[in-house]
Structures are given as C-alpha cells and as structure tokens.
Amino acid sequence: MTDIAVRAMTAADAAAVLAIYQAGMDAGNASFEDTAPTWEVFDAGKLPQHRYVAADPADPADPGGTVLGWVAVSRVSARQVYAGVVEHSVYVDPGAQGRGVGRALLTALIASTEAAGIWTIQSGVFPENTASRALHRAAGFREVGIRERVGRHASQGNRWRDVVFVERRSPHVT
C-alpha cells in the first residue's frame, strides 16, 4: 500500500469520484442506483468530515494524485439516539482493485469516525459482491444478516435484490 495516499476528498475530486461511482454502478453489484448523482447532490448527502479518496501519488500528470477510490458516510437518522451511527459507501476504480485501496480507505474512515465518537458504521452489500464482503470482514465488519428482497434493481429488469447488512461496532467508542 505504499503507492497509495489517502487524503480528504475535495470538490476538485468530483469528476473522478463520480466516474468511479458510475463504474461501480455499471458493474451491476454495487448499488441499486443506475446513475451517479451530480456533485451537488453527492456533496449534500455525505458528512464532510468523513470523506476520503485514495490516490496514486506517483502520477506526475496530477499533483493531487490519480484518484483510485473513495469512501464517504451519511447519517442514518436525524434522531439524536442515532448520532453515532453512519452508513458508508466505498468504491474502488476497477483498474485499481486488488491493490489495497479499499482497505486503506476503510482504515482511514474507521479512524476518522472513531475520533468523532461514532460507534457504528453500517452498509448493505449485494450477496454476489464477494470482494466487498471479504474487504469488510478484513476491516472488522460483521455480517448481521440478509435483508431479503429489500429493493428492485431497475437496470436489471426491475428484479428484486437481497442485501447483506454489514456493521462495524467500535471497540473504542463507549
């Protein structure tokens, strides 16, 4: 992972972040969505203090580094009782998969959220997305269960899809 630098996501990363997001959607096992949102919609829905990109700092054409992946969180609820619970998304450029990008991003996210007093990071992963499931297990997430037929996937003929619910409870935030 020495060739990967994790840094805070900025608006300058918008095009790369949204392109990686779209590539994940196009692959069919990353999201129920079919089209990446505009940067304004993405920006408004993600907590600014917990957004990171992994970049290749060796790219001389880009002083900020070529963006290889991203991670960000959203609130799960506005209710105070859930203030320490967030839902995350992590996406890796298809050409950078298998290089430790996802693990570097989740490590940064875990450190960031724990420092902010967040006690649970959760998400839903399609059962067929075995790489994401393995990544989450390696980062300390557990599979809580399967939410059966939780949504319809429009780009796949409006078929019902299950989602594996994953979570990571912080051992440090009490």
Protein backbone atom coordinates (compact mmCIF):
# COMPACT_ATOMS: atom_id res chain seq x y z
CA MET A 1 0.00 0.00 0.00
CA THR A 2 3.00 2.33 -0.13
CA ASP A 3 1.88 3.61 -3.52
CA ILE A 4 -1.48 4.74 -2.12
CA ALA A 5 -2.07 8.04 -0.35
CA VAL A 6 -5.34 8.59 1.49
CA ARG A 7 -6.43 12.19 1.81
CA ALA A 8 -9.56 14.21 2.43
CA MET A 9 -11.94 14.37 -0.51
CA THR A 10 -12.38 17.83 -2.02
CA ALA A 11 -14.58 19.33 -4.71
CA ALA A 12 -11.58 19.08 -7.04
CA ASP A 13 -12.02 15.29 -6.86
CA ALA A 14 -15.66 15.45 -8.01
CA ALA A 15 -15.19 14.20 -11.58
CA ALA A 16 -13.00 11.26 -10.55
CA VAL A 17 -15.21 10.32 -7.58
CA LEU A 18 -18.38 10.36 -9.68
CA ALA A 19 -16.70 8.42 -12.52
CA ILE A 20 -15.62 5.68 -10.07
CA TYR A 21 -19.12 5.69 -8.58
CA GLN A 22 -20.62 5.26 -12.06
CA ALA A 23 -18.20 2.44 -12.89
CA GLY A 24 -19.35 0.62 -9.77
CA MET A 25 -22.97 1.04 -10.75
CA ASP A 26 -22.27 -0.09 -14.30
CA ALA A 27 -20.76 -3.32 -12.97
CA GLY A 28 -24.17 -4.19 -11.51
CA ASN A 29 -23.30 -5.31 -7.97
CA ALA A 30 -22.57 -2.06 -6.15
CA SER A 31 -25.79 -0.06 -5.91
CA PHE A 32 -29.49 -0.05 -6.66
CA GLU A 33 -28.86 3.29 -8.37
CA ASP A 34 -28.15 3.41 -12.09
CA THR A 35 -26.66 6.87 -12.47
CA ALA A 36 -24.21 8.75 -10.28
CA PRO A 37 -25.70 11.93 -8.84
CA THR A 38 -24.44 15.41 -9.54
CA TRP A 39 -21.62 16.60 -7.32
CA GLU A 40 -24.04 18.96 -5.56
CA VAL A 41 -26.36 16.10 -4.61
CA PHE A 42 -23.44 13.86 -3.60
CA ASP A 43 -21.87 16.66 -1.54
CA ALA A 44 -25.12 17.48 0.25
CA GLY A 45 -25.71 13.85 1.25
CA LYS A 46 -22.31 13.00 2.71
CA LEU A 47 -20.81 14.15 6.01
CA PRO A 48 -17.87 16.39 5.09
CA GLN A 49 -15.54 15.30 7.88
CA HIS A 50 -15.62 11.62 6.88
CA ARG A 51 -14.90 11.64 3.12
CA TYR A 52 -11.66 10.33 1.73
CA VAL A 53 -10.05 9.46 -1.56
CA ALA A 54 -7.17 7.09 -2.17
CA ALA A 55 -4.78 8.45 -4.74
CA ASP A 56 -1.69 7.30 -6.58
CA PRO A 57 0.84 9.99 -5.60
CA ALA A 58 3.28 8.82 -8.27
CA ASP A 59 1.22 10.27 -11.12
CA PRO A 60 3.30 13.21 -12.43
CA ALA A 61 0.36 14.46 -14.51
CA ASP A 62 -1.75 15.05 -11.39
CA PRO A 63 -0.15 16.75 -8.36
CA GLY A 64 -3.04 15.56 -6.16
CA GLY A 65 -2.59 12.02 -7.44
CA THR A 66 -4.85 9.96 -9.64
CA VAL A 67 -7.93 9.06 -7.61
CA LEU A 68 -8.17 5.27 -7.22
CA GLY A 69 -11.19 5.08 -4.92
CA TRP A 70 -13.31 6.86 -2.35
CA VAL A 71 -15.22 6.36 0.88
CA ALA A 72 -17.88 8.56 2.47
CA VAL A 73 -20.64 8.34 5.07
CA SER A 74 -24.19 9.59 5.51
CA ARG A 75 -26.30 9.92 8.62
CA VAL A 76 -28.76 7.07 9.09
CA SER A 77 -31.17 9.26 11.04
CA ALA A 78 -31.58 12.82 12.30
CA ARG A 79 -32.68 11.46 15.68
CA GLN A 80 -30.14 12.12 18.45
CA VAL A 81 -30.21 8.50 19.60
CA TYR A 82 -28.58 7.53 16.27
CA ALA A 83 -25.97 10.31 16.26
CA GLY A 84 -23.20 7.72 16.45
CA VAL A 85 -24.42 5.58 13.56
CA VAL A 86 -23.47 6.21 9.93
CA GLU A 87 -23.91 4.39 6.64
CA HIS A 88 -20.87 4.22 4.41
CA SER A 89 -20.09 3.66 0.76
CA VAL A 90 -16.70 2.59 -0.55
CA TYR A 91 -15.86 2.37 -4.26
CA VAL A 92 -12.60 1.42 -5.98
CA ASP A 93 -11.73 2.10 -9.60
CA PRO A 94 -11.90 -1.22 -11.49
CA GLY A 95 -8.29 -0.78 -12.63
CA ALA A 96 -7.08 -0.38 -9.04
CA GLN A 97 -8.88 -3.32 -7.45
CA GLY A 98 -6.70 -5.78 -5.58
CA ARG A 99 -4.10 -3.15 -4.61
CA GLY A 100 -5.32 -2.50 -1.04
CA VAL A 101 -7.21 0.69 -1.96
CA GLY A 102 -10.46 -0.36 -0.27
CA ARG A 103 -8.65 -1.44 2.88
CA ALA A 104 -6.72 1.85 3.06
CA LEU A 105 -9.96 3.79 2.68
CA LEU A 106 -11.82 1.81 5.35
CA THR A 107 -8.86 2.16 7.74
CA ALA A 108 -8.95 5.95 7.32
CA LEU A 109 -12.73 6.01 7.72
CA ILE A 110 -12.65 3.93 10.90
CA ALA A 111 -10.02 6.21 12.45
CA SER A 112 -11.98 9.31 11.48
CA THR A 113 -15.34 8.10 12.73
CA GLU A 114 -13.95 6.76 16.00
CA ALA A 115 -12.20 10.08 16.67
CA ALA A 116 -15.59 11.77 16.19
CA GLY A 117 -17.37 9.43 18.62
CA ILE A 118 -19.22 7.38 16.02
CA TRP A 119 -19.86 3.90 17.35
CA THR A 120 -21.36 2.08 14.37
CA ILE A 121 -20.55 2.10 10.65
CA GLN A 122 -23.04 0.14 8.58
CA SER A 123 -23.86 -0.62 4.98
CA GLY A 124 -25.61 -3.01 2.65
CA VAL A 125 -23.70 -5.19 0.19
CA PHE A 126 -25.19 -7.33 -2.55
CA PRO A 127 -24.57 -11.02 -1.70
CA GLU A 128 -22.87 -11.54 -5.07
CA ASN A 129 -20.28 -8.85 -4.33
CA THR A 130 -17.82 -11.28 -2.75
CA ALA A 131 -14.86 -8.88 -2.98
CA SER A 132 -16.70 -6.23 -0.96
CA ARG A 133 -17.85 -8.76 1.60
CA ALA A 134 -14.27 -10.03 2.05
CA LEU A 135 -12.96 -6.46 2.32
CA HIS A 136 -15.47 -5.63 5.02
CA ARG A 137 -14.71 -8.78 7.01
CA ALA A 138 -10.99 -7.98 6.85
CA ALA A 139 -11.71 -4.46 8.17
CA GLY A 140 -13.61 -5.78 11.19
CA PHE A 141 -17.18 -5.63 9.90
CA ARG A 142 -19.60 -8.44 10.64
CA GLU A 143 -22.45 -9.65 8.52
CA VAL A 144 -25.56 -9.11 10.61
CA GLY A 145 -28.00 -10.75 8.24
CA ILE A 146 -29.64 -10.68 4.86
CA ARG A 147 -32.37 -8.21 4.05
CA GLU A 148 -34.37 -10.21 1.52
CA ARG A 149 -35.91 -8.53 -1.50
CA VAL A 150 -35.18 -5.13 0.02
CA GLY A 151 -35.24 -3.26 -3.29
CA ARG A 152 -35.76 -3.55 -7.02
CA HIS A 153 -32.83 -3.09 -9.36
CA ALA A 154 -34.20 -1.09 -12.29
CA SER A 155 -31.21 -1.64 -14.60
CA GLN A 156 -31.60 -5.39 -14.13
CA GLY A 157 -35.18 -5.68 -15.29
CA ASN A 158 -36.64 -4.31 -12.07
CA ARG A 159 -35.73 -7.55 -10.29
CA TRP A 160 -35.76 -7.87 -6.53
CA ARG A 161 -32.32 -7.93 -4.85
CA ASP A 162 -31.20 -9.04 -1.42
CA VAL A 163 -28.66 -7.08 0.59
CA VAL A 164 -26.23 -8.38 3.22
CA PHE A 165 -26.34 -5.94 6.13
CA VAL A 166 -22.82 -5.30 7.49
CA GLU A 167 -21.74 -3.29 10.50
CA ARG A 168 -18.67 -2.44 12.49
CA ARG A 169 -19.13 -1.55 16.13
CA SER A 170 -16.24 0.46 17.55
CA PRO A 171 -14.44 -1.20 20.45
CA HIS A 172 -13.17 2.26 21.45
CA VAL A 173 -16.29 4.43 21.47
CA THR A 174 -18.43 3.68 24.50
